Amino acid sequence: MLPHELLRFAHNSERQFAKLLDFYNIAWDYEPRTFTLEWDRDGRPAQAFAPDFYLPAYDIYIEITTLNQRLVTKKNRKARRLREQYPEIQIRVLYQRDYLHLLVKYGLEQPSQLAN
């Protein structure tokens, strides 16, 4: 059984991305770490961010934004804050159009899905 078949993902886009990583034998972890971005006045976490994937061979986190484009601004803000507060952490946001191109390129989705 492949790693993507062993986990329950929050969204189908995450499962498909994991399937693509598995196909190319790229090791990954799903939401392995939560980064605190903001603390309240008592020092407790008030805002946090758990990127979708970590690719250990590349030492990079990937956040996928495919389902609700209204969340893109929020996710971009969180990724920017993560970079500011944890400069040693690499993160990339994978946008809907980029994600769909990957699916088409690797035969996981039909080209008609790319129409605007």
N, C-alpha and C. Protein backbone atom coordinates (compact mmCIF):
# COMPACT_ATOMS: atom_id res chain seq x y z
N MET A 1 0.84 -1.18 0.00
CA MET A 1 0.00 0.00 0.00
C MET A 1 0.89 1.25 0.00
N LEU A 2 0.53 2.23 -0.82
CA LEU A 2 1.29 3.47 -0.90
C LEU A 2 0.93 4.40 0.24
N PRO A 3 1.85 5.29 0.62
CA PRO A 3 1.58 6.19 1.76
C PRO A 3 0.29 6.99 1.64
N HIS A 4 -0.05 7.47 0.43
CA HIS A 4 -1.27 8.28 0.30
C HIS A 4 -2.53 7.46 0.55
N GLU A 5 -2.43 6.15 0.48
CA GLU A 5 -3.58 5.28 0.71
C GLU A 5 -3.79 5.01 2.21
N LEU A 6 -2.83 5.38 3.02
CA LEU A 6 -2.90 5.09 4.45
C LEU A 6 -3.45 6.24 5.28
N LEU A 7 -3.57 7.42 4.69
CA LEU A 7 -3.99 8.60 5.43
C LEU A 7 -5.35 9.09 4.99
N ARG A 8 -5.97 9.81 5.88
CA ARG A 8 -7.21 10.50 5.55
C ARG A 8 -6.85 11.98 5.40
N PHE A 9 -7.09 12.54 4.24
CA PHE A 9 -6.76 13.92 3.95
C PHE A 9 -7.98 14.81 4.15
N ALA A 10 -7.72 16.07 4.44
CA ALA A 10 -8.81 17.02 4.62
C ALA A 10 -9.52 17.31 3.30
N HIS A 11 -8.77 17.26 2.19
CA HIS A 11 -9.33 17.59 0.88
C HIS A 11 -8.79 16.64 -0.17
N ASN A 12 -9.58 16.41 -1.20
CA ASN A 12 -9.18 15.54 -2.30
C ASN A 12 -7.92 16.06 -3.00
N SER A 13 -7.78 17.38 -3.09
CA SER A 13 -6.59 17.94 -3.74
C SER A 13 -5.32 17.50 -3.01
N GLU A 14 -5.38 17.40 -1.70
CA GLU A 14 -4.22 16.94 -0.93
C GLU A 14 -3.92 15.47 -1.22
N ARG A 15 -4.97 14.66 -1.31
CA ARG A 15 -4.79 13.24 -1.62
C ARG A 15 -4.17 13.07 -3.01
N GLN A 16 -4.65 13.84 -3.99
CA GLN A 16 -4.10 13.74 -5.34
C GLN A 16 -2.64 14.19 -5.39
N PHE A 17 -2.31 15.23 -4.65
CA PHE A 17 -0.92 15.70 -4.61
C PHE A 17 -0.04 14.62 -3.97
N ALA A 18 -0.50 14.01 -2.89
CA ALA A 18 0.25 12.93 -2.24
C ALA A 18 0.43 11.74 -3.19
N LYS A 19 -0.61 11.45 -3.96
CA LYS A 19 -0.54 10.36 -4.94
C LYS A 19 0.54 10.65 -5.97
N LEU A 20 0.63 11.88 -6.43
CA LEU A 20 1.66 12.28 -7.38
C LEU A 20 3.05 12.15 -6.77
N LEU A 21 3.20 12.60 -5.52
CA LEU A 21 4.48 12.45 -4.83
C LEU A 21 4.87 10.98 -4.68
N ASP A 22 3.90 10.15 -4.32
CA ASP A 22 4.17 8.72 -4.18
C ASP A 22 4.61 8.10 -5.51
N PHE A 23 3.94 8.49 -6.59
CA PHE A 23 4.28 7.94 -7.90
C PHE A 23 5.74 8.20 -8.24
N TYR A 24 6.24 9.38 -7.86
CA TYR A 24 7.63 9.72 -8.14
C TYR A 24 8.57 9.43 -6.98
N ASN A 25 8.10 8.66 -6.02
CA ASN A 25 8.91 8.26 -4.86
C ASN A 25 9.52 9.44 -4.14
N ILE A 26 8.75 10.50 -3.99
CA ILE A 26 9.19 11.67 -3.24
C ILE A 26 8.62 11.54 -1.83
N ALA A 27 9.49 11.43 -0.86
CA ALA A 27 9.06 11.28 0.53
C ALA A 27 8.36 12.56 0.98
N TRP A 28 7.29 12.39 1.75
CA TRP A 28 6.52 13.52 2.24
C TRP A 28 5.91 13.19 3.59
N ASP A 29 5.59 14.25 4.31
CA ASP A 29 4.83 14.15 5.57
C ASP A 29 3.64 15.07 5.43
N TYR A 30 2.50 14.62 5.95
CA TYR A 30 1.28 15.41 5.87
C TYR A 30 1.07 16.18 7.16
N GLU A 31 1.00 17.49 7.05
CA GLU A 31 0.79 18.40 8.18
C GLU A 31 1.62 17.99 9.41
N PRO A 32 2.94 17.87 9.23
CA PRO A 32 3.77 17.36 10.33
C PRO A 32 4.07 18.36 11.44
N ARG A 33 3.90 19.64 11.15
CA ARG A 33 4.29 20.64 12.14
C ARG A 33 3.34 21.84 12.08
N THR A 34 3.03 22.34 13.24
CA THR A 34 2.23 23.56 13.35
C THR A 34 3.14 24.67 13.86
N PHE A 35 3.14 25.77 13.14
CA PHE A 35 3.96 26.93 13.50
C PHE A 35 3.07 27.98 14.15
N THR A 36 3.45 28.44 15.32
CA THR A 36 2.72 29.54 15.96
C THR A 36 3.13 30.83 15.28
N LEU A 37 2.11 31.60 14.87
CA LEU A 37 2.35 32.87 14.18
C LEU A 37 2.06 34.08 15.06
N GLU A 38 1.21 33.87 16.06
CA GLU A 38 0.83 34.97 16.94
C GLU A 38 0.51 34.40 18.32
N TRP A 39 0.86 35.17 19.35
CA TRP A 39 0.63 34.76 20.73
C TRP A 39 -0.26 35.79 21.40
N ASP A 40 -1.05 35.33 22.37
CA ASP A 40 -1.84 36.30 23.14
C ASP A 40 -0.97 36.90 24.24
N ARG A 41 -1.53 37.80 25.02
CA ARG A 41 -0.71 38.49 26.03
C ARG A 41 -0.21 37.58 27.14
N ASP A 42 -0.81 36.38 27.25
CA ASP A 42 -0.34 35.41 28.25
C ASP A 42 0.68 34.43 27.66
N GLY A 43 1.05 34.66 26.40
CA GLY A 43 2.06 33.80 25.77
C GLY A 43 1.51 32.53 25.16
N ARG A 44 0.19 32.41 25.09
CA ARG A 44 -0.42 31.23 24.47
C ARG A 44 -0.61 31.47 22.98
N PRO A 45 -0.51 30.40 22.19
CA PRO A 45 -0.72 30.56 20.74
C PRO A 45 -2.10 31.13 20.45
N ALA A 46 -2.14 32.17 19.62
CA ALA A 46 -3.40 32.79 19.22
C ALA A 46 -3.69 32.53 17.74
N GLN A 47 -2.64 32.32 16.96
CA GLN A 47 -2.80 31.98 15.55
C GLN A 47 -1.67 31.04 15.16
N ALA A 48 -2.03 30.02 14.40
CA ALA A 48 -1.04 29.02 14.00
C ALA A 48 -1.26 28.63 12.54
N PHE A 49 -0.27 27.96 11.99
CA PHE A 49 -0.31 27.55 10.59
C PHE A 49 0.35 26.18 10.47
N ALA A 50 -0.37 25.23 9.89
CA ALA A 50 0.15 23.89 9.64
C ALA A 50 0.15 23.66 8.13
N PRO A 51 1.27 23.90 7.45
CA PRO A 51 1.31 23.66 6.00
C PRO A 51 0.95 22.22 5.67
N ASP A 52 0.37 22.03 4.49
CA ASP A 52 -0.15 20.72 4.10
C ASP A 52 0.91 19.63 4.03
N PHE A 53 2.04 19.92 3.40
CA PHE A 53 3.06 18.90 3.17
C PHE A 53 4.44 19.40 3.54
N TYR A 54 5.27 18.45 3.95
CA TYR A 54 6.70 18.71 4.11
C TYR A 54 7.43 17.68 3.27
N LEU A 55 8.37 18.15 2.42
CA LEU A 55 9.18 17.27 1.59
C LEU A 55 10.59 17.26 2.17
N PRO A 56 10.92 16.25 2.99
CA PRO A 56 12.21 16.25 3.69
C PRO A 56 13.43 16.29 2.77
N ALA A 57 13.38 15.64 1.62
CA ALA A 57 14.54 15.63 0.73
C ALA A 57 14.85 17.03 0.19
N TYR A 58 13.83 17.89 0.17
CA TYR A 58 13.99 19.25 -0.34
C TYR A 58 13.93 20.29 0.77
N ASP A 59 13.63 19.83 1.98
CA ASP A 59 13.51 20.71 3.14
C ASP A 59 12.58 21.89 2.85
N ILE A 60 11.38 21.54 2.36
CA ILE A 60 10.42 22.58 1.99
C ILE A 60 9.00 22.14 2.38
N TYR A 61 8.22 23.13 2.78
CA TYR A 61 6.80 22.92 3.06
C TYR A 61 5.99 23.39 1.87
N ILE A 62 4.88 22.69 1.60
CA ILE A 62 3.99 23.04 0.49
C ILE A 62 2.59 23.25 1.06
N GLU A 63 2.00 24.37 0.72
CA GLU A 63 0.60 24.66 1.08
C GLU A 63 -0.19 24.70 -0.22
N ILE A 64 -1.26 23.92 -0.29
CA ILE A 64 -2.08 23.85 -1.50
C ILE A 64 -3.33 24.71 -1.31
N THR A 65 -3.60 25.57 -2.27
CA THR A 65 -4.80 26.42 -2.22
C THR A 65 -5.63 26.16 -3.45
N THR A 66 -6.48 25.14 -3.40
CA THR A 66 -7.24 24.77 -4.59
C THR A 66 -8.74 24.82 -4.41
N LEU A 67 -9.23 24.66 -3.23
CA LEU A 67 -10.66 24.49 -3.07
C LEU A 67 -11.43 25.80 -2.96
N ASN A 68 -10.97 26.69 -2.14
CA ASN A 68 -11.70 27.93 -1.89
C ASN A 68 -10.75 29.10 -2.12
N GLN A 69 -10.86 29.70 -3.28
CA GLN A 69 -9.92 30.76 -3.63
C GLN A 69 -10.05 31.99 -2.73
N ARG A 70 -11.16 32.10 -2.00
CA ARG A 70 -11.30 33.20 -1.05
C ARG A 70 -10.25 33.09 0.06
N LEU A 71 -9.72 31.87 0.26
CA LEU A 71 -8.73 31.66 1.31
C LEU A 71 -7.30 31.95 0.86
N VAL A 72 -7.11 32.25 -0.42
CA VAL A 72 -5.76 32.48 -0.93
C VAL A 72 -5.08 33.62 -0.19
N THR A 73 -5.78 34.73 -0.01
CA THR A 73 -5.19 35.88 0.68
C THR A 73 -4.80 35.49 2.09
N LYS A 74 -5.66 34.78 2.78
CA LYS A 74 -5.38 34.35 4.15
C LYS A 74 -4.16 33.42 4.19
N LYS A 75 -4.10 32.47 3.26
CA LYS A 75 -2.97 31.54 3.24
C LYS A 75 -1.67 32.25 2.86
N ASN A 76 -1.76 33.18 1.92
CA ASN A 76 -0.56 33.95 1.56
C ASN A 76 -0.06 34.75 2.76
N ARG A 77 -0.97 35.33 3.51
CA ARG A 77 -0.59 36.09 4.71
C ARG A 77 0.08 35.18 5.73
N LYS A 78 -0.48 33.99 5.93
CA LYS A 78 0.13 33.05 6.88
C LYS A 78 1.51 32.60 6.40
N ALA A 79 1.64 32.32 5.11
CA ALA A 79 2.95 31.91 4.58
C ALA A 79 3.96 33.04 4.74
N ARG A 80 3.54 34.27 4.50
CA ARG A 80 4.43 35.42 4.66
C ARG A 80 4.85 35.58 6.12
N ARG A 81 3.90 35.45 7.03
CA ARG A 81 4.23 35.56 8.46
C ARG A 81 5.15 34.43 8.90
N LEU A 82 4.93 33.23 8.36
CA LEU A 82 5.81 32.11 8.68
C LEU A 82 7.23 32.43 8.24
N ARG A 83 7.39 32.96 7.02
CA ARG A 83 8.73 33.32 6.52
C ARG A 83 9.38 34.39 7.39
N GLU A 84 8.58 35.35 7.86
CA GLU A 84 9.12 36.42 8.70
C GLU A 84 9.57 35.90 10.06
N GLN A 85 8.76 35.04 10.67
CA GLN A 85 9.05 34.58 12.02
C GLN A 85 9.96 33.36 12.07
N TYR A 86 10.01 32.61 11.00
CA TYR A 86 10.85 31.42 10.93
C TYR A 86 11.65 31.48 9.62
N PRO A 87 12.61 32.38 9.52
CA PRO A 87 13.32 32.57 8.24
C PRO A 87 14.07 31.34 7.75
N GLU A 88 14.32 30.39 8.61
CA GLU A 88 15.01 29.17 8.19
C GLU A 88 14.07 28.18 7.50
N ILE A 89 12.77 28.43 7.54
CA ILE A 89 11.77 27.54 6.96
C ILE A 89 11.44 27.98 5.54
N GLN A 90 11.49 27.02 4.62
CA GLN A 90 11.09 27.28 3.24
C GLN A 90 9.65 26.82 3.05
N ILE A 91 8.84 27.67 2.45
CA ILE A 91 7.45 27.31 2.16
C ILE A 91 7.08 27.84 0.79
N ARG A 92 6.30 27.05 0.07
CA ARG A 92 5.76 27.47 -1.23
C ARG A 92 4.26 27.24 -1.20
N VAL A 93 3.54 28.19 -1.76
CA VAL A 93 2.10 28.06 -1.90
C VAL A 93 1.83 27.60 -3.32
N LEU A 94 1.12 26.50 -3.45
CA LEU A 94 0.76 25.96 -4.75
C LEU A 94 -0.67 26.41 -5.05
N TYR A 95 -0.82 27.26 -6.06
CA TYR A 95 -2.12 27.84 -6.39
C TYR A 95 -2.94 26.91 -7.27
N GLN A 96 -4.24 27.20 -7.34
CA GLN A 96 -5.17 26.34 -8.06
C GLN A 96 -4.74 26.08 -9.50
N ARG A 97 -4.41 27.11 -10.23
CA ARG A 97 -4.05 26.95 -11.64
C ARG A 97 -2.79 26.08 -11.78
N ASP A 98 -1.78 26.32 -10.94
CA ASP A 98 -0.56 25.51 -10.97
C ASP A 98 -0.87 24.05 -10.65
N TYR A 99 -1.72 23.86 -9.66
CA TYR A 99 -2.10 22.52 -9.23
C TYR A 99 -2.83 21.79 -10.37
N LEU A 100 -3.77 22.47 -11.03
CA LEU A 100 -4.50 21.84 -12.12
C LEU A 100 -3.57 21.49 -13.29
N HIS A 101 -2.60 22.35 -13.57
CA HIS A 101 -1.63 22.04 -14.62
C HIS A 101 -0.83 20.78 -14.28
N LEU A 102 -0.48 20.62 -13.02
CA LEU A 102 0.22 19.39 -12.60
C LEU A 102 -0.66 18.17 -12.83
N LEU A 103 -1.93 18.27 -12.46
CA LEU A 103 -2.85 17.13 -12.62
C LEU A 103 -2.99 16.75 -14.09
N VAL A 104 -3.12 17.74 -14.96
CA VAL A 104 -3.25 17.47 -16.39
C VAL A 104 -1.94 16.89 -16.93
N LYS A 105 -0.84 17.50 -16.56
CA LYS A 105 0.47 17.04 -17.05
C LYS A 105 0.72 15.58 -16.73
N TYR A 106 0.31 15.15 -15.55
CA TYR A 106 0.58 13.78 -15.12
C TYR A 106 -0.63 12.86 -15.25
N GLY A 107 -1.63 13.31 -16.03
CA GLY A 107 -2.74 12.43 -16.37
C GLY A 107 -3.74 12.17 -15.27
N LEU A 108 -3.80 13.01 -14.27
CA LEU A 108 -4.75 12.81 -13.17
C LEU A 108 -6.05 13.58 -13.38
N GLU A 109 -6.08 14.45 -14.38
CA GLU A 109 -7.27 15.28 -14.62
C GLU A 109 -7.32 15.61 -16.11
N GLN A 110 -8.52 15.87 -16.62
CA GLN A 110 -8.70 16.22 -18.03
C GLN A 110 -8.38 17.69 -18.27
N PRO A 111 -7.85 18.05 -19.45
CA PRO A 111 -7.53 19.44 -19.75
C PRO A 111 -8.72 20.40 -19.63
N SER A 112 -9.94 19.91 -19.78
CA SER A 112 -11.12 20.77 -19.69
C SER A 112 -11.22 21.44 -18.32
N GLN A 113 -10.59 20.89 -17.31
CA GLN A 113 -10.61 21.46 -15.98
C GLN A 113 -9.85 22.78 -15.90
N LEU A 114 -9.01 23.06 -16.92
CA LEU A 114 -8.20 24.28 -16.92
C LEU A 114 -8.95 25.48 -17.46
N ALA A 115 -10.11 25.27 -18.02
CA ALA A 115 -10.87 26.39 -18.57
C ALA A 115 -11.27 27.34 -17.46
N ASN A 116 -11.24 28.62 -17.75
CA ASN A 116 -11.60 29.62 -16.73
C ASN A 116 -13.09 29.73 -16.59
